[in-house]
Amino acid sequence: MVREQPRIATPRYEGVITIEPGKRGGRPCIRGMRITVGDVLGWLSVGMTEEEIIDDFPELTRSDIHAALAFAANREKRAKSVGHEIAL
């Protein structure tokens, strides 16, 4: 008998991450706001917790942060598959 590996739920980012020409240079943003995926990644990279980010930017939700991470991970995976780097 073959056991199936448990599936890990992947956060969805469709409808959360938006890209609009002319807004933040066409970078991926959170729900049409001027907060980019790169902003969120930057805050996390300097050690801010999700709670601190939400305290500083109450318009963001925990789901928004998870969507930004999922989007960045997917974009990185796609970029590696074609051998390119993509700015966030």
PDB file of N, CA and C in Angstrom:
ATOM      1  N   MET A   1       0.839  -1.185   0.000  1.00  0.00           N
ATOM      2  CA  MET A   1       0.000   0.000   0.000  1.00  0.00           C
ATOM      3  C   MET A   1       0.884   1.249   0.000  1.00  0.00           C
ATOM      4  N   VAL A   2       0.592   2.152  -0.903  1.00  0.00           N
ATOM      5  CA  VAL A   2       1.346   3.397  -1.014  1.00  0.00           C
ATOM      6  C   VAL A   2       0.622   4.479  -0.231  1.00  0.00           C
ATOM      7  N   ARG A   3       1.385   5.133   0.622  1.00  0.00           N
ATOM      8  CA  ARG A   3       0.802   6.224   1.412  1.00  0.00           C
ATOM      9  C   ARG A   3       0.943   7.532   0.658  1.00  0.00           C
ATOM     10  N   GLU A   4      -0.111   8.279   0.659  1.00  0.00           N
ATOM     11  CA  GLU A   4      -0.050   9.606   0.052  1.00  0.00           C
ATOM     12  C   GLU A   4       0.570  10.571   1.048  1.00  0.00           C
ATOM     13  N   GLN A   5       1.388  11.457   0.510  1.00  0.00           N
ATOM     14  CA  GLN A   5       1.970  12.502   1.344  1.00  0.00           C
ATOM     15  C   GLN A   5       0.887  13.515   1.696  1.00  0.00           C
ATOM     16  N   PRO A   6       0.879  13.969   2.937  1.00  0.00           N
ATOM     17  CA  PRO A   6      -0.113  14.993   3.289  1.00  0.00           C
ATOM     18  C   PRO A   6       0.145  16.263   2.493  1.00  0.00           C
ATOM     19  N   ARG A   7      -0.914  16.893   2.069  1.00  0.00           N
ATOM     20  CA  ARG A   7      -0.790  18.145   1.323  1.00  0.00           C
ATOM     21  C   ARG A   7      -0.773  19.313   2.296  1.00  0.00           C
ATOM     22  N   ILE A   8       0.105  20.220   2.006  1.00  0.00           N
ATOM     23  CA  ILE A   8       0.193  21.432   2.815  1.00  0.00           C
ATOM     24  C   ILE A   8      -0.582  22.518   2.085  1.00  0.00           C
ATOM     25  N   ALA A   9      -1.453  23.175   2.797  1.00  0.00           N
ATOM     26  CA  ALA A   9      -2.255  24.238   2.179  1.00  0.00           C
ATOM     27  C   ALA A   9      -1.343  25.394   1.775  1.00  0.00           C
ATOM     28  N   THR A  10      -1.448  25.788   0.537  1.00  0.00           N
ATOM     29  CA  THR A  10      -0.669  26.909   0.021  1.00  0.00           C
ATOM     30  C   THR A  10      -1.552  28.151   0.018  1.00  0.00           C
ATOM     31  N   PRO A  11      -1.065  29.233   0.649  1.00  0.00           N
ATOM     32  CA  PRO A  11      -1.873  30.457   0.624  1.00  0.00           C
ATOM     33  C   PRO A  11      -2.124  30.910  -0.811  1.00  0.00           C
ATOM     34  N   ARG A  12      -3.301  31.394  -1.076  1.00  0.00           N
ATOM     35  CA  ARG A  12      -3.670  31.885  -2.409  1.00  0.00           C
ATOM     36  C   ARG A  12      -3.354  33.374  -2.482  1.00  0.00           C
ATOM     37  N   TYR A  13      -2.920  33.801  -3.642  1.00  0.00           N
ATOM     38  CA  TYR A  13      -2.650  35.229  -3.800  1.00  0.00           C
ATOM     39  C   TYR A  13      -3.456  35.856  -4.925  1.00  0.00           C
ATOM     40  N   GLU A  14      -4.163  35.041  -5.700  1.00  0.00           N
ATOM     41  CA  GLU A  14      -4.987  35.599  -6.766  1.00  0.00           C
ATOM     42  C   GLU A  14      -6.046  36.521  -6.161  1.00  0.00           C
ATOM     43  N   GLY A  15      -6.186  37.689  -6.711  1.00  0.00           N
ATOM     44  CA  GLY A  15      -7.154  38.652  -6.198  1.00  0.00           C
ATOM     45  C   GLY A  15      -6.619  39.492  -5.053  1.00  0.00           C
ATOM     46  N   VAL A  16      -5.495  39.074  -4.474  1.00  0.00           N
ATOM     47  CA  VAL A  16      -4.884  39.848  -3.394  1.00  0.00           C
ATOM     48  C   VAL A  16      -3.716  40.656  -3.948  1.00  0.00           C
ATOM     49  N   ILE A  17      -2.900  40.017  -4.761  1.00  0.00           N
ATOM     50  CA  ILE A  17      -1.749  40.682  -5.361  1.00  0.00           C
ATOM     51  C   ILE A  17      -2.181  41.260  -6.705  1.00  0.00           C
ATOM     52  N   THR A  18      -1.982  42.556  -6.869  1.00  0.00           N
ATOM     53  CA  THR A  18      -2.399  43.240  -8.094  1.00  0.00           C
ATOM     54  C   THR A  18      -1.198  43.926  -8.735  1.00  0.00           C
ATOM     55  N   ILE A  19      -1.224  43.993 -10.045  1.00  0.00           N
ATOM     56  CA  ILE A  19      -0.176  44.697 -10.787  1.00  0.00           C
ATOM     57  C   ILE A  19      -0.866  45.687 -11.712  1.00  0.00           C
ATOM     58  N   GLU A  20      -0.562  46.970 -11.493  1.00  0.00           N
ATOM     59  CA  GLU A  20      -1.170  48.029 -12.296  1.00  0.00           C
ATOM     60  C   GLU A  20      -0.074  48.914 -12.866  1.00  0.00           C
ATOM     61  N   PRO A  21      -0.031  49.052 -14.192  1.00  0.00           N
ATOM     62  CA  PRO A  21       0.953  49.966 -14.782  1.00  0.00           C
ATOM     63  C   PRO A  21       0.774  51.362 -14.177  1.00  0.00           C
ATOM     64  N   GLY A  22       1.876  51.994 -13.842  1.00  0.00           N
ATOM     65  CA  GLY A  22       1.795  53.343 -13.288  1.00  0.00           C
ATOM     66  C   GLY A  22       1.680  53.396 -11.781  1.00  0.00           C
ATOM     67  N   LYS A  23       1.395  52.297 -11.139  1.00  0.00           N
ATOM     68  CA  LYS A  23       1.329  52.277  -9.675  1.00  0.00           C
ATOM     69  C   LYS A  23       2.564  51.558  -9.165  1.00  0.00           C
ATOM     70  N   ARG A  24       3.385  52.291  -8.421  1.00  0.00           N
ATOM     71  CA  ARG A  24       4.634  51.755  -7.859  1.00  0.00           C
ATOM     72  C   ARG A  24       5.495  51.094  -8.932  1.00  0.00           C
ATOM     73  N   GLY A  25       5.516  51.711 -10.105  1.00  0.00           N
ATOM     74  CA  GLY A  25       6.358  51.227 -11.190  1.00  0.00           C
ATOM     75  C   GLY A  25       5.927  49.885 -11.752  1.00  0.00           C
ATOM     76  N   GLY A  26       4.656  49.549 -11.570  1.00  0.00           N
ATOM     77  CA  GLY A  26       4.156  48.273 -12.079  1.00  0.00           C
ATOM     78  C   GLY A  26       4.531  47.079 -11.222  1.00  0.00           C
ATOM     79  N   ARG A  27       5.040  47.362 -10.021  1.00  0.00           N
ATOM     80  CA  ARG A  27       5.409  46.260  -9.119  1.00  0.00           C
ATOM     81  C   ARG A  27       4.146  45.647  -8.511  1.00  0.00           C
ATOM     82  N   PRO A  28       4.225  44.370  -8.117  1.00  0.00           N
ATOM     83  CA  PRO A  28       3.072  43.717  -7.493  1.00  0.00           C
ATOM     84  C   PRO A  28       2.723  44.378  -6.157  1.00  0.00           C
ATOM     85  N   CYS A  29       1.464  44.757  -6.009  1.00  0.00           N
ATOM     86  CA  CYS A  29       0.971  45.437  -4.806  1.00  0.00           C
ATOM     87  C   CYS A  29      -0.068  44.578  -4.093  1.00  0.00           C
ATOM     88  N   ILE A  30      -0.349  44.963  -2.866  1.00  0.00           N
ATOM     89  CA  ILE A  30      -1.351  44.279  -2.056  1.00  0.00           C
ATOM     90  C   ILE A  30      -2.701  44.954  -2.270  1.00  0.00           C
ATOM     91  N   ARG A  31      -3.662  44.214  -2.794  1.00  0.00           N
ATOM     92  CA  ARG A  31      -5.050  44.657  -2.983  1.00  0.00           C
ATOM     93  C   ARG A  31      -5.170  46.066  -3.558  1.00  0.00           C
ATOM     94  N   GLY A  32      -4.342  46.396  -4.521  1.00  0.00           N
ATOM     95  CA  GLY A  32      -4.444  47.696  -5.175  1.00  0.00           C
ATOM     96  C   GLY A  32      -3.896  48.856  -4.366  1.00  0.00           C
ATOM     97  N   MET A  33      -3.401  48.580  -3.164  1.00  0.00           N
ATOM     98  CA  MET A  33      -2.805  49.639  -2.347  1.00  0.00           C
ATOM     99  C   MET A  33      -1.410  49.935  -2.882  1.00  0.00           C
ATOM    100  N   ARG A  34      -0.787  50.932  -2.321  1.00  0.00           N
ATOM    101  CA  ARG A  34       0.568  51.282  -2.743  1.00  0.00           C
ATOM    102  C   ARG A  34       1.622  50.534  -1.931  1.00  0.00           C
ATOM    103  N   ILE A  35       1.229  49.500  -1.238  1.00  0.00           N
ATOM    104  CA  ILE A  35       2.153  48.635  -0.501  1.00  0.00           C
ATOM    105  C   ILE A  35       2.496  47.467  -1.414  1.00  0.00           C
ATOM    106  N   THR A  36       3.809  47.297  -1.693  1.00  0.00           N
ATOM    107  CA  THR A  36       4.223  46.249  -2.620  1.00  0.00           C
ATOM    108  C   THR A  36       4.595  44.962  -1.891  1.00  0.00           C
ATOM    109  N   VAL A  37       4.642  43.895  -2.671  1.00  0.00           N
ATOM    110  CA  VAL A  37       5.140  42.617  -2.153  1.00  0.00           C
ATOM    111  C   VAL A  37       6.563  42.828  -1.635  1.00  0.00           C
ATOM    112  N   GLY A  38       7.362  43.594  -2.379  1.00  0.00           N
ATOM    113  CA  GLY A  38       8.731  43.881  -1.955  1.00  0.00           C
ATOM    114  C   GLY A  38       8.801  44.612  -0.623  1.00  0.00           C
ATOM    115  N   ASP A  39       7.843  45.521  -0.381  1.00  0.00           N
ATOM    116  CA  ASP A  39       7.787  46.206   0.919  1.00  0.00           C
ATOM    117  C   ASP A  39       7.609  45.187   2.040  1.00  0.00           C
ATOM    118  N   VAL A  40       6.639  44.300   1.860  1.00  0.00           N
ATOM    119  CA  VAL A  40       6.343  43.289   2.886  1.00  0.00           C
ATOM    120  C   VAL A  40       7.559  42.395   3.111  1.00  0.00           C
ATOM    121  N   LEU A  41       8.179  41.940   2.027  1.00  0.00           N
ATOM    122  CA  LEU A  41       9.367  41.092   2.160  1.00  0.00           C
ATOM    123  C   LEU A  41      10.490  41.834   2.869  1.00  0.00           C
ATOM    124  N   GLY A  42      10.644  43.115   2.554  1.00  0.00           N
ATOM    125  CA  GLY A  42      11.675  43.919   3.207  1.00  0.00           C
ATOM    126  C   GLY A  42      11.454  44.032   4.705  1.00  0.00           C
ATOM    127  N   TRP A  43      10.214  44.287   5.091  1.00  0.00           N
ATOM    128  CA  TRP A  43       9.913  44.403   6.525  1.00  0.00           C
ATOM    129  C   TRP A  43      10.176  43.087   7.247  1.00  0.00           C
ATOM    130  N   LEU A  44       9.779  41.991   6.633  1.00  0.00           N
ATOM    131  CA  LEU A  44      10.031  40.685   7.243  1.00  0.00           C
ATOM    132  C   LEU A  44      11.529  40.399   7.313  1.00  0.00           C
ATOM    133  N   SER A  45      12.269  40.812   6.289  1.00  0.00           N
ATOM    134  CA  SER A  45      13.704  40.507   6.244  1.00  0.00           C
ATOM    135  C   SER A  45      14.508  41.256   7.301  1.00  0.00           C
ATOM    136  N   VAL A  46      13.989  42.389   7.766  1.00  0.00           N
ATOM    137  CA  VAL A  46      14.692  43.117   8.829  1.00  0.00           C
ATOM    138  C   VAL A  46      14.196  42.718  10.211  1.00  0.00           C
ATOM    139  N   GLY A  47      13.360  41.690  10.261  1.00  0.00           N
ATOM    140  CA  GLY A  47      12.960  41.135  11.546  1.00  0.00           C
ATOM    141  C   GLY A  47      11.604  41.554  12.075  1.00  0.00           C
ATOM    142  N   MET A  48      10.847  42.337  11.307  1.00  0.00           N
ATOM    143  CA  MET A  48       9.508  42.692  11.781  1.00  0.00           C
ATOM    144  C   MET A  48       8.638  41.440  11.806  1.00  0.00           C
ATOM    145  N   THR A  49       7.811  41.336  12.820  1.00  0.00           N
ATOM    146  CA  THR A  49       6.858  40.231  12.881  1.00  0.00           C
ATOM    147  C   THR A  49       5.599  40.621  12.109  1.00  0.00           C
ATOM    148  N   GLU A  50       4.778  39.639  11.828  1.00  0.00           N
ATOM    149  CA  GLU A  50       3.500  39.930  11.167  1.00  0.00           C
ATOM    150  C   GLU A  50       2.697  40.920  11.996  1.00  0.00           C
ATOM    151  N   GLU A  51       2.716  40.733  13.312  1.00  0.00           N
ATOM    152  CA  GLU A  51       1.952  41.616  14.194  1.00  0.00           C
ATOM    153  C   GLU A  51       2.460  43.051  14.113  1.00  0.00           C
ATOM    154  N   GLU A  52       3.784  43.222  14.075  1.00  0.00           N
ATOM    155  CA  GLU A  52       4.353  44.570  13.982  1.00  0.00           C
ATOM    156  C   GLU A  52       3.982  45.235  12.656  1.00  0.00           C
ATOM    157  N   ILE A  53       4.018  44.465  11.585  1.00  0.00           N
ATOM    158  CA  ILE A  53       3.645  45.014  10.277  1.00  0.00           C
ATOM    159  C   ILE A  53       2.187  45.460  10.297  1.00  0.00           C
ATOM    160  N   ILE A  54       1.318  44.622  10.839  1.00  0.00           N
ATOM    161  CA  ILE A  54      -0.113  44.950  10.896  1.00  0.00           C
ATOM    162  C   ILE A  54      -0.358  46.144  11.822  1.00  0.00           C
ATOM    163  N   ASP A  55       0.393  46.237  12.916  1.00  0.00           N
ATOM    164  CA  ASP A  55       0.266  47.401  13.801  1.00  0.00           C
ATOM    165  C   ASP A  55       0.659  48.686  13.069  1.00  0.00           C
ATOM    166  N   ASP A  56       1.744  48.621  12.286  1.00  0.00           N
ATOM    167  CA  ASP A  56       2.218  49.798  11.549  1.00  0.00           C
ATOM    168  C   ASP A  56       1.363  50.109  10.323  1.00  0.00           C
ATOM    169  N   PHE A  57       0.772  49.073   9.739  1.00  0.00           N
ATOM    170  CA  PHE A  57      -0.039  49.219   8.524  1.00  0.00           C
ATOM    171  C   PHE A  57      -1.361  48.476   8.728  1.00  0.00           C
ATOM    172  N   PRO A  58      -2.283  49.069   9.495  1.00  0.00           N
ATOM    173  CA  PRO A  58      -3.516  48.370   9.862  1.00  0.00           C
ATOM    174  C   PRO A  58      -4.407  47.999   8.680  1.00  0.00           C
ATOM    175  N   GLU A  59      -4.140  48.585   7.510  1.00  0.00           N
ATOM    176  CA  GLU A  59      -4.920  48.199   6.330  1.00  0.00           C
ATOM    177  C   GLU A  59      -4.514  46.817   5.816  1.00  0.00           C
ATOM    178  N   LEU A  60      -3.371  46.302   6.275  1.00  0.00           N
ATOM    179  CA  LEU A  60      -2.931  44.955   5.897  1.00  0.00           C
ATOM    180  C   LEU A  60      -3.504  43.916   6.850  1.00  0.00           C
ATOM    181  N   THR A  61      -3.674  42.720   6.334  1.00  0.00           N
ATOM    182  CA  THR A  61      -4.125  41.592   7.154  1.00  0.00           C
ATOM    183  C   THR A  61      -3.052  40.512   7.126  1.00  0.00           C
ATOM    184  N   ARG A  62      -3.174  39.586   8.028  1.00  0.00           N
ATOM    185  CA  ARG A  62      -2.273  38.435   8.048  1.00  0.00           C
ATOM    186  C   ARG A  62      -2.361  37.690   6.714  1.00  0.00           C
ATOM    187  N   SER A  63      -3.553  37.575   6.164  1.00  0.00           N
ATOM    188  CA  SER A  63      -3.733  36.913   4.863  1.00  0.00           C
ATOM    189  C   SER A  63      -2.998  37.657   3.753  1.00  0.00           C
ATOM    190  N   ASP A  64      -2.965  38.989   3.821  1.00  0.00           N
ATOM    191  CA  ASP A  64      -2.218  39.775   2.835  1.00  0.00           C
ATOM    192  C   ASP A  64      -0.729  39.424   2.888  1.00  0.00           C
ATOM    193  N   ILE A  65      -0.200  39.325   4.088  1.00  0.00           N
ATOM    194  CA  ILE A  65       1.218  38.998   4.264  1.00  0.00           C
ATOM    195  C   ILE A  65       1.509  37.603   3.722  1.00  0.00           C
ATOM    196  N   HIS A  66       0.643  36.659   4.035  1.00  0.00           N
ATOM    197  CA  HIS A  66       0.827  35.287   3.537  1.00  0.00           C
ATOM    198  C   HIS A  66       0.711  35.236   2.017  1.00  0.00           C
ATOM    199  N   ALA A  67      -0.189  36.035   1.462  1.00  0.00           N
ATOM    200  CA  ALA A  67      -0.332  36.088   0.001  1.00  0.00           C
ATOM    201  C   ALA A  67       0.936  36.659  -0.635  1.00  0.00           C
ATOM    202  N   ALA A  68       1.523  37.676  -0.010  1.00  0.00           N
ATOM    203  CA  ALA A  68       2.768  38.254  -0.531  1.00  0.00           C
ATOM    204  C   ALA A  68       3.881  37.215  -0.533  1.00  0.00           C
ATOM    205  N   LEU A  69       3.972  36.440   0.534  1.00  0.00           N
ATOM    206  CA  LEU A  69       4.988  35.389   0.607  1.00  0.00           C
ATOM    207  C   LEU A  69       4.745  34.312  -0.443  1.00  0.00           C
ATOM    208  N   ALA A  70       3.497  33.918  -0.618  1.00  0.00           N
ATOM    209  CA  ALA A  70       3.163  32.895  -1.620  1.00  0.00           C
ATOM    210  C   ALA A  70       3.471  33.400  -3.025  1.00  0.00           C
ATOM    211  N   PHE A  71       3.137  34.655  -3.293  1.00  0.00           N
ATOM    212  CA  PHE A  71       3.410  35.242  -4.602  1.00  0.00           C
ATOM    213  C   PHE A  71       4.913  35.261  -4.871  1.00  0.00           C
ATOM    214  N   ALA A  72       5.684  35.714  -3.882  1.00  0.00           N
ATOM    215  CA  ALA A  72       7.137  35.796  -4.051  1.00  0.00           C
ATOM    216  C   ALA A  72       7.745  34.410  -4.253  1.00  0.00           C
ATOM    217  N   ALA A  73       7.280  33.430  -3.498  1.00  0.00           N
ATOM    218  CA  ALA A  73       7.801  32.068  -3.644  1.00  0.00           C
ATOM    219  C   ALA A  73       7.486  31.513  -5.026  1.00  0.00           C
ATOM    220  N   ASN A  74       6.275  31.743  -5.497  1.00  0.00           N
ATOM    221  CA  ASN A  74       5.886  31.259  -6.820  1.00  0.00           C
ATOM    222  C   ASN A  74       6.690  31.960  -7.915  1.00  0.00           C
ATOM    223  N   ARG A  75       6.878  33.245  -7.755  1.00  0.00           N
ATOM    224  CA  ARG A  75       7.625  34.006  -8.762  1.00  0.00           C
ATOM    225  C   ARG A  75       9.085  33.561  -8.793  1.00  0.00           C
ATOM    226  N   GLU A  76       9.646  33.303  -7.629  1.00  0.00           N
ATOM    227  CA  GLU A  76      11.031  32.823  -7.543  1.00  0.00           C
ATOM    228  C   GLU A  76      11.162  31.459  -8.212  1.00  0.00           C
ATOM    229  N   LYS A  77      10.215  30.596  -7.953  1.00  0.00           N
ATOM    230  CA  LYS A  77      10.222  29.254  -8.550  1.00  0.00           C
ATOM    231  C   LYS A  77      10.160  29.351 -10.076  1.00  0.00           C
ATOM    232  N   ARG A  78       9.272  30.215 -10.578  1.00  0.00           N
ATOM    233  CA  ARG A  78       9.151  30.389 -12.034  1.00  0.00           C
ATOM    234  C   ARG A  78      10.414  31.005 -12.620  1.00  0.00           C
ATOM    235  N   ALA A  79      11.004  31.970 -11.923  1.00  0.00           N
ATOM    236  CA  ALA A  79      12.214  32.622 -12.422  1.00  0.00           C
ATOM    237  C   ALA A  79      13.370  31.630 -12.508  1.00  0.00           C
ATOM    238  N   LYS A  80      13.509  30.784 -11.501  1.00  0.00           N
ATOM    239  CA  LYS A  80      14.577  29.783 -11.516  1.00  0.00           C
ATOM    240  C   LYS A  80      14.387  28.795 -12.651  1.00  0.00           C
ATOM    241  N   SER A  81      13.143  28.480 -12.961  1.00  0.00           N
ATOM    242  CA  SER A  81      12.887  27.495 -14.012  1.00  0.00           C
ATOM    243  C   SER A  81      13.295  28.016 -15.387  1.00  0.00           C
ATOM    244  N   VAL A  82      13.330  29.334 -15.556  1.00  0.00           N
ATOM    245  CA  VAL A  82      13.748  29.902 -16.844  1.00  0.00           C
ATOM    246  C   VAL A  82      15.093  30.622 -16.742  1.00  0.00           C
ATOM    247  N   GLY A  83      15.690  30.606 -15.554  1.00  0.00           N
ATOM    248  CA  GLY A  83      17.013  31.188 -15.375  1.00  0.00           C
ATOM    249  C   GLY A  83      17.063  32.694 -15.332  1.00  0.00           C
ATOM    250  N   HIS A  84      16.029  33.332 -14.789  1.00  0.00           N
ATOM    251  CA  HIS A  84      15.966  34.796 -14.710  1.00  0.00           C
ATOM    252  C   HIS A  84      15.725  35.220 -13.275  1.00  0.00           C
ATOM    253  N   GLU A  85      16.129  36.458 -12.978  1.00  0.00           N
ATOM    254  CA  GLU A  85      15.753  37.077 -11.714  1.00  0.00           C
ATOM    255  C   GLU A  85      14.659  38.083 -11.996  1.00  0.00           C
ATOM    256  N   ILE A  86      13.691  38.165 -11.099  1.00  0.00           N
ATOM    257  CA  ILE A  86      12.572  39.086 -11.275  1.00  0.00           C
ATOM    258  C   ILE A  86      12.509  39.987 -10.050  1.00  0.00           C
ATOM    259  N   ALA A  87      12.491  41.287 -10.264  1.00  0.00           N
ATOM    260  CA  ALA A  87      12.406  42.239  -9.155  1.00  0.00           C
ATOM    261  C   ALA A  87      11.004  42.254  -8.579  1.00  0.00           C
ATOM    262  N   LEU A  88      10.939  42.352  -7.260  1.00  0.00           N
ATOM    263  CA  LEU A  88       9.657  42.497  -6.581  1.00  0.00           C
ATOM    264  C   LEU A  88       9.585  43.909  -6.048  1.00  0.00           C
TER     265      LEU A  88
END
